[in-house]
Amino acid sequence: MSFTNSYCSRDSARALRHGLLGALMAIGVAAPQMVWAERDHHGRDHGMFMMGNPDKVARKVDHMLEHLDATDAQRTQVKQIVQAAAADLKTQRAAGKALHERAMELFTQASVDESAVETLRQQMVQQMDQSSRRITQAMLEVSRALTTEQRAKLAEQMKRRHEKRQRHWHD
């Protein structure tokens, strides 16, 4: 028994599929940006610093390493890793924005081309995967630059920051 035949007309089933696909596309484009570039109600960036402005990365890295007793060599190495990742991710964000604009074009046409939407969806997934891989690569490189103790301190620091942010947003 097909969804179309058992529950609604063919046209309303198509409209429902298009609406759901549109919602999924919007979530697929917006969710990574919300996760990685979270901003508070004052517009301050509290997200993943690798997704921020590459010019501000050095300051954010210094802040991150402040309580880890990092050596000058570690600071330099981590800054280079994160600045390179930020530059790569800035390019990838631009590509993601272009895909989002293409989605808006496709879904505002008189007739939505399902094949083109599916192709675009696959491109979006591929783009998100590239960003995820680049972030993971940078995190692995940073982990190699830090000692086990520094990584443990950093994890605890991040946990406290996350908990503080959660309390702020849920109070």
N, C-alpha and C. Protein backbone atom coordinates (compact mmCIF):
# COMPACT_ATOMS: atom_id res chain seq x y z
N MET A 1 0.85 -1.17 0.00
CA MET A 1 0.00 0.00 0.00
C MET A 1 0.90 1.23 0.00
N SER A 2 0.68 2.13 -0.93
CA SER A 2 1.53 3.31 -1.02
C SER A 2 0.95 4.45 -0.18
N PHE A 3 1.82 5.32 0.24
CA PHE A 3 1.43 6.50 1.00
C PHE A 3 0.44 7.33 0.20
N THR A 4 0.70 7.50 -1.07
CA THR A 4 -0.14 8.33 -1.93
C THR A 4 -1.55 7.78 -2.04
N ASN A 5 -1.69 6.49 -2.27
CA ASN A 5 -3.00 5.91 -2.48
C ASN A 5 -3.80 5.77 -1.20
N SER A 6 -3.14 5.53 -0.09
CA SER A 6 -3.89 5.21 1.12
C SER A 6 -4.26 6.41 1.96
N TYR A 7 -3.53 7.50 1.89
CA TYR A 7 -3.78 8.60 2.81
C TYR A 7 -4.18 9.92 2.17
N CYS A 8 -3.78 10.18 0.97
CA CYS A 8 -4.11 11.46 0.38
C CYS A 8 -3.93 11.41 -1.13
N SER A 9 -4.32 12.47 -1.76
CA SER A 9 -4.20 12.53 -3.22
C SER A 9 -2.74 12.60 -3.63
N ARG A 10 -2.49 12.31 -4.89
CA ARG A 10 -1.12 12.35 -5.43
C ARG A 10 -0.52 13.76 -5.31
N ASP A 11 -1.32 14.80 -5.61
CA ASP A 11 -0.82 16.18 -5.53
C ASP A 11 -0.49 16.58 -4.10
N SER A 12 -1.34 16.21 -3.16
CA SER A 12 -1.06 16.61 -1.78
C SER A 12 0.12 15.81 -1.23
N ALA A 13 0.31 14.57 -1.68
CA ALA A 13 1.48 13.79 -1.26
C ALA A 13 2.76 14.44 -1.80
N ARG A 14 2.72 14.89 -3.04
CA ARG A 14 3.88 15.57 -3.63
C ARG A 14 4.17 16.86 -2.88
N ALA A 15 3.12 17.62 -2.55
CA ALA A 15 3.31 18.86 -1.81
C ALA A 15 3.91 18.58 -0.43
N LEU A 16 3.44 17.52 0.20
CA LEU A 16 3.97 17.14 1.51
C LEU A 16 5.44 16.75 1.40
N ARG A 17 5.80 15.96 0.38
CA ARG A 17 7.20 15.57 0.17
C ARG A 17 8.06 16.80 -0.05
N HIS A 18 7.58 17.73 -0.88
CA HIS A 18 8.35 18.95 -1.16
C HIS A 18 8.51 19.77 0.10
N GLY A 19 7.44 19.89 0.87
CA GLY A 19 7.51 20.66 2.11
C GLY A 19 8.49 20.04 3.10
N LEU A 20 8.42 18.73 3.26
CA LEU A 20 9.34 18.04 4.17
C LEU A 20 10.78 18.15 3.69
N LEU A 21 10.98 17.98 2.39
CA LEU A 21 12.33 18.10 1.84
C LEU A 21 12.86 19.52 2.03
N GLY A 22 12.00 20.51 1.83
CA GLY A 22 12.40 21.90 2.04
C GLY A 22 12.80 22.15 3.49
N ALA A 23 12.02 21.60 4.42
CA ALA A 23 12.34 21.75 5.84
C ALA A 23 13.67 21.07 6.16
N LEU A 24 13.86 19.88 5.61
CA LEU A 24 15.12 19.17 5.84
C LEU A 24 16.30 19.94 5.26
N MET A 25 16.12 20.52 4.10
CA MET A 25 17.20 21.30 3.48
C MET A 25 17.54 22.50 4.36
N ALA A 26 16.50 23.17 4.86
CA ALA A 26 16.75 24.34 5.71
C ALA A 26 17.49 23.94 6.97
N ILE A 27 17.07 22.85 7.58
CA ILE A 27 17.74 22.37 8.80
C ILE A 27 19.16 21.94 8.46
N GLY A 28 19.33 21.24 7.35
CA GLY A 28 20.66 20.77 6.96
C GLY A 28 21.65 21.90 6.72
N VAL A 29 21.15 23.02 6.23
CA VAL A 29 22.04 24.16 5.98
C VAL A 29 22.25 24.95 7.27
N ALA A 30 21.19 25.14 8.04
CA ALA A 30 21.28 26.01 9.21
C ALA A 30 21.92 25.34 10.41
N ALA A 31 21.67 24.05 10.62
CA ALA A 31 22.14 23.38 11.83
C ALA A 31 23.65 23.46 12.03
N PRO A 32 24.46 23.14 11.01
CA PRO A 32 25.91 23.24 11.24
C PRO A 32 26.34 24.65 11.58
N GLN A 33 25.71 25.63 10.99
CA GLN A 33 26.09 27.00 11.28
C GLN A 33 25.71 27.37 12.70
N MET A 34 24.55 26.86 13.19
CA MET A 34 24.15 27.16 14.55
C MET A 34 25.09 26.46 15.54
N VAL A 35 25.45 25.24 15.27
CA VAL A 35 26.31 24.50 16.17
C VAL A 35 27.69 25.12 16.22
N TRP A 36 28.26 25.45 15.08
CA TRP A 36 29.65 25.89 15.04
C TRP A 36 29.80 27.39 15.20
N ALA A 37 28.77 28.14 15.01
CA ALA A 37 28.91 29.59 15.11
C ALA A 37 27.83 30.16 16.03
N GLU A 38 27.67 29.58 17.18
CA GLU A 38 26.67 30.00 18.14
C GLU A 38 26.96 31.41 18.63
N ARG A 39 25.95 32.23 18.69
CA ARG A 39 26.11 33.60 19.19
C ARG A 39 25.11 33.82 20.32
N ASP A 40 25.51 34.64 21.29
CA ASP A 40 24.58 34.93 22.38
C ASP A 40 23.67 36.08 21.96
N HIS A 41 22.81 36.53 22.87
CA HIS A 41 21.84 37.57 22.54
C HIS A 41 22.49 38.94 22.32
N HIS A 42 23.77 39.07 22.60
CA HIS A 42 24.49 40.32 22.33
C HIS A 42 25.27 40.23 21.01
N GLY A 43 25.17 39.11 20.32
CA GLY A 43 25.86 38.94 19.05
C GLY A 43 27.29 38.47 19.19
N ARG A 44 27.70 38.12 20.42
CA ARG A 44 29.08 37.65 20.63
C ARG A 44 29.19 36.20 20.22
N ASP A 45 30.30 35.88 19.60
CA ASP A 45 30.56 34.52 19.12
C ASP A 45 30.99 33.63 20.27
N HIS A 46 30.26 32.51 20.45
CA HIS A 46 30.62 31.53 21.47
C HIS A 46 30.76 30.15 20.87
N GLY A 47 30.84 30.08 19.58
CA GLY A 47 30.89 28.78 18.93
C GLY A 47 32.31 28.28 18.75
N MET A 48 32.43 27.27 17.93
CA MET A 48 33.72 26.66 17.65
C MET A 48 34.61 27.70 17.01
N PHE A 49 35.75 27.99 17.63
CA PHE A 49 36.57 29.09 17.15
C PHE A 49 37.16 28.84 15.78
N MET A 50 37.24 27.60 15.34
CA MET A 50 37.77 27.34 14.00
C MET A 50 36.80 27.82 12.92
N MET A 51 35.55 28.02 13.30
CA MET A 51 34.57 28.48 12.33
C MET A 51 34.43 30.00 12.36
N GLY A 52 35.14 30.65 13.24
CA GLY A 52 35.06 32.09 13.36
C GLY A 52 35.95 32.79 12.35
N ASN A 53 36.09 34.05 12.56
CA ASN A 53 36.92 34.89 11.71
C ASN A 53 38.39 34.48 11.89
N PRO A 54 39.07 34.08 10.83
CA PRO A 54 40.46 33.66 10.96
C PRO A 54 41.37 34.71 11.60
N ASP A 55 41.00 35.98 11.46
CA ASP A 55 41.80 37.05 12.07
C ASP A 55 41.73 37.03 13.59
N LYS A 56 40.66 36.49 14.15
CA LYS A 56 40.48 36.45 15.60
C LYS A 56 40.95 35.14 16.22
N VAL A 57 41.38 34.22 15.39
CA VAL A 57 41.75 32.89 15.87
C VAL A 57 42.91 32.93 16.86
N ALA A 58 43.92 33.72 16.60
CA ALA A 58 45.10 33.77 17.49
C ALA A 58 44.69 34.15 18.91
N ARG A 59 43.83 35.14 19.04
CA ARG A 59 43.36 35.58 20.36
C ARG A 59 42.57 34.47 21.05
N LYS A 60 41.74 33.79 20.29
CA LYS A 60 40.93 32.71 20.87
C LYS A 60 41.80 31.53 21.27
N VAL A 61 42.82 31.24 20.50
CA VAL A 61 43.74 30.15 20.84
C VAL A 61 44.50 30.50 22.11
N ASP A 62 44.97 31.74 22.21
CA ASP A 62 45.65 32.17 23.43
C ASP A 62 44.76 31.98 24.65
N HIS A 63 43.51 32.37 24.51
CA HIS A 63 42.56 32.23 25.62
C HIS A 63 42.36 30.75 25.97
N MET A 64 42.25 29.91 24.96
CA MET A 64 42.05 28.48 25.18
C MET A 64 43.25 27.87 25.90
N LEU A 65 44.45 28.30 25.53
CA LEU A 65 45.68 27.70 26.09
C LEU A 65 46.11 28.35 27.41
N GLU A 66 45.42 29.40 27.81
CA GLU A 66 45.81 30.20 28.97
C GLU A 66 46.07 29.37 30.23
N HIS A 67 45.21 28.44 30.54
CA HIS A 67 45.31 27.66 31.78
C HIS A 67 45.94 26.29 31.58
N LEU A 68 46.56 26.08 30.44
CA LEU A 68 47.13 24.75 30.16
C LEU A 68 48.64 24.70 30.33
N ASP A 69 49.24 25.81 30.73
CA ASP A 69 50.70 25.87 30.85
C ASP A 69 51.38 25.44 29.55
N ALA A 70 50.85 25.90 28.44
CA ALA A 70 51.41 25.56 27.13
C ALA A 70 52.73 26.30 26.92
N THR A 71 53.66 25.63 26.29
CA THR A 71 54.93 26.26 25.96
C THR A 71 54.73 27.20 24.78
N ASP A 72 55.71 28.05 24.55
CA ASP A 72 55.64 28.95 23.39
C ASP A 72 55.57 28.15 22.09
N ALA A 73 56.32 27.05 22.04
CA ALA A 73 56.30 26.21 20.84
C ALA A 73 54.91 25.61 20.62
N GLN A 74 54.27 25.15 21.70
CA GLN A 74 52.92 24.60 21.57
C GLN A 74 51.95 25.68 21.11
N ARG A 75 52.05 26.86 21.70
CA ARG A 75 51.15 27.95 21.33
C ARG A 75 51.28 28.27 19.84
N THR A 76 52.51 28.36 19.37
CA THR A 76 52.76 28.65 17.96
C THR A 76 52.19 27.55 17.08
N GLN A 77 52.45 26.31 17.45
CA GLN A 77 51.98 25.18 16.65
C GLN A 77 50.45 25.12 16.60
N VAL A 78 49.81 25.28 17.74
CA VAL A 78 48.35 25.21 17.79
C VAL A 78 47.74 26.37 17.01
N LYS A 79 48.31 27.57 17.14
CA LYS A 79 47.80 28.72 16.37
C LYS A 79 47.87 28.45 14.88
N GLN A 80 48.99 27.91 14.41
CA GLN A 80 49.14 27.61 12.98
C GLN A 80 48.10 26.60 12.53
N ILE A 81 47.89 25.56 13.32
CA ILE A 81 46.91 24.52 12.98
C ILE A 81 45.52 25.13 12.86
N VAL A 82 45.14 25.89 13.88
CA VAL A 82 43.78 26.42 13.94
C VAL A 82 43.57 27.52 12.90
N GLN A 83 44.57 28.36 12.67
CA GLN A 83 44.43 29.39 11.64
C GLN A 83 44.28 28.78 10.25
N ALA A 84 45.02 27.72 9.98
CA ALA A 84 44.90 27.04 8.68
C ALA A 84 43.50 26.43 8.53
N ALA A 85 43.03 25.80 9.61
CA ALA A 85 41.69 25.20 9.56
C ALA A 85 40.63 26.28 9.38
N ALA A 86 40.78 27.40 10.09
CA ALA A 86 39.80 28.49 9.97
C ALA A 86 39.75 29.03 8.55
N ALA A 87 40.89 29.17 7.92
CA ALA A 87 40.92 29.65 6.53
C ALA A 87 40.22 28.66 5.60
N ASP A 88 40.50 27.36 5.79
CA ASP A 88 39.84 26.34 4.96
C ASP A 88 38.33 26.33 5.20
N LEU A 89 37.93 26.46 6.45
CA LEU A 89 36.51 26.42 6.78
C LEU A 89 35.78 27.66 6.30
N LYS A 90 36.49 28.79 6.23
CA LYS A 90 35.88 30.01 5.70
C LYS A 90 35.51 29.78 4.23
N THR A 91 36.39 29.15 3.49
CA THR A 91 36.12 28.82 2.09
C THR A 91 34.94 27.85 2.00
N GLN A 92 34.92 26.86 2.89
CA GLN A 92 33.83 25.88 2.87
C GLN A 92 32.50 26.52 3.26
N ARG A 93 32.52 27.49 4.18
CA ARG A 93 31.29 28.20 4.54
C ARG A 93 30.74 28.94 3.33
N ALA A 94 31.63 29.52 2.54
CA ALA A 94 31.19 30.24 1.33
C ALA A 94 30.52 29.26 0.36
N ALA A 95 31.10 28.07 0.24
CA ALA A 95 30.49 27.05 -0.62
C ALA A 95 29.12 26.64 -0.08
N GLY A 96 29.00 26.51 1.24
CA GLY A 96 27.72 26.17 1.86
C GLY A 96 26.68 27.24 1.63
N LYS A 97 27.10 28.49 1.67
CA LYS A 97 26.18 29.59 1.42
C LYS A 97 25.67 29.54 -0.01
N ALA A 98 26.55 29.23 -0.95
CA ALA A 98 26.14 29.12 -2.35
C ALA A 98 25.13 27.98 -2.53
N LEU A 99 25.33 26.88 -1.83
CA LEU A 99 24.38 25.77 -1.90
C LEU A 99 23.03 26.18 -1.31
N HIS A 100 23.06 26.90 -0.22
CA HIS A 100 21.82 27.38 0.39
C HIS A 100 21.07 28.30 -0.58
N GLU A 101 21.80 29.19 -1.24
CA GLU A 101 21.17 30.09 -2.21
C GLU A 101 20.55 29.30 -3.37
N ARG A 102 21.25 28.24 -3.78
CA ARG A 102 20.71 27.38 -4.85
C ARG A 102 19.43 26.70 -4.39
N ALA A 103 19.38 26.27 -3.12
CA ALA A 103 18.17 25.65 -2.58
C ALA A 103 17.00 26.62 -2.63
N MET A 104 17.27 27.87 -2.26
CA MET A 104 16.21 28.88 -2.31
C MET A 104 15.70 29.07 -3.73
N GLU A 105 16.60 29.04 -4.70
CA GLU A 105 16.20 29.16 -6.10
C GLU A 105 15.31 27.99 -6.50
N LEU A 106 15.75 26.78 -6.15
CA LEU A 106 15.00 25.58 -6.54
C LEU A 106 13.61 25.56 -5.93
N PHE A 107 13.49 25.92 -4.66
CA PHE A 107 12.21 25.80 -3.98
C PHE A 107 11.28 26.98 -4.23
N THR A 108 11.75 28.00 -4.91
CA THR A 108 10.86 29.13 -5.22
C THR A 108 10.42 29.12 -6.68
N GLN A 109 10.82 28.11 -7.43
CA GLN A 109 10.37 28.00 -8.81
C GLN A 109 8.92 27.52 -8.84
N ALA A 110 8.24 27.80 -9.94
CA ALA A 110 6.84 27.39 -10.08
C ALA A 110 6.71 25.87 -9.98
N SER A 111 7.67 25.17 -10.54
CA SER A 111 7.67 23.71 -10.48
C SER A 111 9.02 23.28 -9.90
N VAL A 112 8.96 22.56 -8.77
CA VAL A 112 10.19 22.15 -8.10
C VAL A 112 10.73 20.89 -8.78
N ASP A 113 11.97 20.96 -9.22
CA ASP A 113 12.64 19.85 -9.90
C ASP A 113 13.20 18.89 -8.85
N GLU A 114 12.51 17.76 -8.66
CA GLU A 114 12.91 16.81 -7.61
C GLU A 114 14.32 16.28 -7.83
N SER A 115 14.68 16.05 -9.05
CA SER A 115 16.01 15.53 -9.35
C SER A 115 17.09 16.56 -8.98
N ALA A 116 16.85 17.81 -9.31
CA ALA A 116 17.81 18.86 -8.98
C ALA A 116 17.91 19.04 -7.47
N VAL A 117 16.79 18.93 -6.76
CA VAL A 117 16.79 19.05 -5.30
C VAL A 117 17.59 17.91 -4.69
N GLU A 118 17.40 16.71 -5.19
CA GLU A 118 18.15 15.56 -4.66
C GLU A 118 19.65 15.71 -4.93
N THR A 119 20.00 16.17 -6.11
CA THR A 119 21.41 16.42 -6.42
C THR A 119 21.98 17.46 -5.47
N LEU A 120 21.24 18.52 -5.23
CA LEU A 120 21.68 19.57 -4.31
C LEU A 120 21.82 19.03 -2.89
N ARG A 121 20.87 18.20 -2.46
CA ARG A 121 20.94 17.60 -1.13
C ARG A 121 22.22 16.80 -0.97
N GLN A 122 22.56 16.04 -1.99
CA GLN A 122 23.79 15.24 -1.95
C GLN A 122 25.03 16.15 -1.88
N GLN A 123 24.99 17.25 -2.61
CA GLN A 123 26.11 18.20 -2.57
C GLN A 123 26.24 18.83 -1.18
N MET A 124 25.09 19.12 -0.56
CA MET A 124 25.11 19.70 0.79
C MET A 124 25.70 18.72 1.81
N VAL A 125 25.30 17.48 1.71
CA VAL A 125 25.83 16.46 2.61
C VAL A 125 27.34 16.33 2.40
N GLN A 126 27.76 16.35 1.17
CA GLN A 126 29.19 16.26 0.85
C GLN A 126 29.95 17.46 1.42
N GLN A 127 29.38 18.64 1.30
CA GLN A 127 30.01 19.85 1.81
C GLN A 127 30.12 19.80 3.34
N MET A 128 29.05 19.37 4.01
CA MET A 128 29.08 19.25 5.47
C MET A 128 30.12 18.22 5.90
N ASP A 129 30.22 17.14 5.14
CA ASP A 129 31.21 16.10 5.46
C ASP A 129 32.63 16.65 5.33
N GLN A 130 32.87 17.46 4.30
CA GLN A 130 34.20 18.08 4.14
C GLN A 130 34.54 18.97 5.33
N SER A 131 33.57 19.76 5.78
CA SER A 131 33.80 20.62 6.94
C SER A 131 34.08 19.79 8.18
N SER A 132 33.30 18.76 8.37
CA SER A 132 33.48 17.89 9.52
C SER A 132 34.86 17.22 9.50
N ARG A 133 35.27 16.77 8.33
CA ARG A 133 36.60 16.16 8.20
C ARG A 133 37.71 17.16 8.52
N ARG A 134 37.54 18.40 8.07
CA ARG A 134 38.59 19.40 8.31
C ARG A 134 38.67 19.75 9.79
N ILE A 135 37.53 19.86 10.45
CA ILE A 135 37.52 20.13 11.88
C ILE A 135 38.17 18.97 12.63
N THR A 136 37.82 17.74 12.27
CA THR A 136 38.39 16.57 12.92
C THR A 136 39.90 16.51 12.71
N GLN A 137 40.35 16.81 11.49
CA GLN A 137 41.78 16.82 11.20
C GLN A 137 42.50 17.82 12.10
N ALA A 138 41.94 19.02 12.22
CA ALA A 138 42.56 20.05 13.06
C ALA A 138 42.57 19.62 14.53
N MET A 139 41.48 19.02 14.98
CA MET A 139 41.42 18.56 16.37
C MET A 139 42.48 17.49 16.64
N LEU A 140 42.67 16.59 15.69
CA LEU A 140 43.71 15.56 15.85
C LEU A 140 45.10 16.18 15.88
N GLU A 141 45.34 17.16 15.01
CA GLU A 141 46.64 17.82 14.99
C GLU A 141 46.90 18.57 16.30
N VAL A 142 45.88 19.25 16.81
CA VAL A 142 46.02 19.95 18.09
C VAL A 142 46.27 18.95 19.21
N SER A 143 45.56 17.84 19.18
CA SER A 143 45.75 16.83 20.24
C SER A 143 47.17 16.29 20.26
N ARG A 144 47.80 16.21 19.08
CA ARG A 144 49.19 15.75 19.03
C ARG A 144 50.16 16.80 19.56
N ALA A 145 49.77 18.07 19.51
CA ALA A 145 50.63 19.14 19.99
C ALA A 145 50.57 19.29 21.52
N LEU A 146 49.50 18.79 22.14
CA LEU A 146 49.31 18.91 23.58
C LEU A 146 49.64 17.60 24.29
N THR A 147 49.98 17.72 25.56
CA THR A 147 50.22 16.52 26.37
C THR A 147 48.89 15.94 26.81
N THR A 148 48.93 14.72 27.33
CA THR A 148 47.73 14.07 27.85
C THR A 148 47.10 14.92 28.95
N GLU A 149 47.93 15.45 29.84
CA GLU A 149 47.43 16.28 30.94
C GLU A 149 46.78 17.56 30.42
N GLN A 150 47.39 18.16 29.42
CA GLN A 150 46.82 19.39 28.85
C GLN A 150 45.48 19.11 28.18
N ARG A 151 45.39 17.98 27.50
CA ARG A 151 44.12 17.63 26.86
C ARG A 151 43.03 17.40 27.90
N ALA A 152 43.40 16.76 29.03
CA ALA A 152 42.43 16.53 30.10
C ALA A 152 41.97 17.86 30.70
N LYS A 153 42.91 18.79 30.94
CA LYS A 153 42.55 20.11 31.46
C LYS A 153 41.64 20.85 30.47
N LEU A 154 41.99 20.76 29.20
CA LEU A 154 41.20 21.43 28.18
C LEU A 154 39.78 20.85 28.13
N ALA A 155 39.67 19.55 28.22
CA ALA A 155 38.35 18.91 28.22
C ALA A 155 37.52 19.38 29.41
N GLU A 156 38.14 19.48 30.57
CA GLU A 156 37.43 19.95 31.76
C GLU A 156 37.02 21.41 31.61
N GLN A 157 37.90 22.22 31.05
CA GLN A 157 37.61 23.63 30.79
C GLN A 157 36.43 23.76 29.84
N MET A 158 36.41 22.96 28.79
CA MET A 158 35.32 23.00 27.81
C MET A 158 34.01 22.52 28.44
N LYS A 159 34.10 21.52 29.29
CA LYS A 159 32.90 20.99 29.96
C LYS A 159 32.28 22.07 30.85
N ARG A 160 33.12 22.77 31.63
CA ARG A 160 32.60 23.84 32.50
C ARG A 160 31.97 24.95 31.66
N ARG A 161 32.62 25.29 30.57
CA ARG A 161 32.09 26.35 29.71
C ARG A 161 30.74 25.94 29.11
N HIS A 162 30.66 24.68 28.69
CA HIS A 162 29.41 24.17 28.12
C HIS A 162 28.30 24.20 29.18
N GLU A 163 28.61 23.75 30.39
CA GLU A 163 27.61 23.74 31.46
C GLU A 163 27.14 25.15 31.79
N LYS A 164 28.07 26.09 31.83
CA LYS A 164 27.72 27.48 32.10
C LYS A 164 26.79 28.02 31.01
N ARG A 165 27.11 27.70 29.77
CA ARG A 165 26.29 28.14 28.65
C ARG A 165 24.90 27.51 28.71
N GLN A 166 24.85 26.23 29.07
CA GLN A 166 23.56 25.55 29.17
C GLN A 166 22.69 26.19 30.25
N ARG A 167 23.29 26.51 31.41
CA ARG A 167 22.54 27.17 32.48
C ARG A 167 22.02 28.51 32.00
N HIS A 168 22.85 29.24 31.28
CA HIS A 168 22.46 30.56 30.79
C HIS A 168 21.26 30.45 29.85
N TRP A 169 21.30 29.50 28.95
CA TRP A 169 20.24 29.38 27.94
C TRP A 169 18.97 28.75 28.49
N HIS A 170 19.09 27.97 29.57
CA HIS A 170 17.92 27.25 30.08
C HIS A 170 17.34 27.88 31.34
N ASP A 171 17.90 28.98 31.80
CA ASP A 171 17.35 29.67 32.98
C ASP A 171 16.35 30.71 32.58
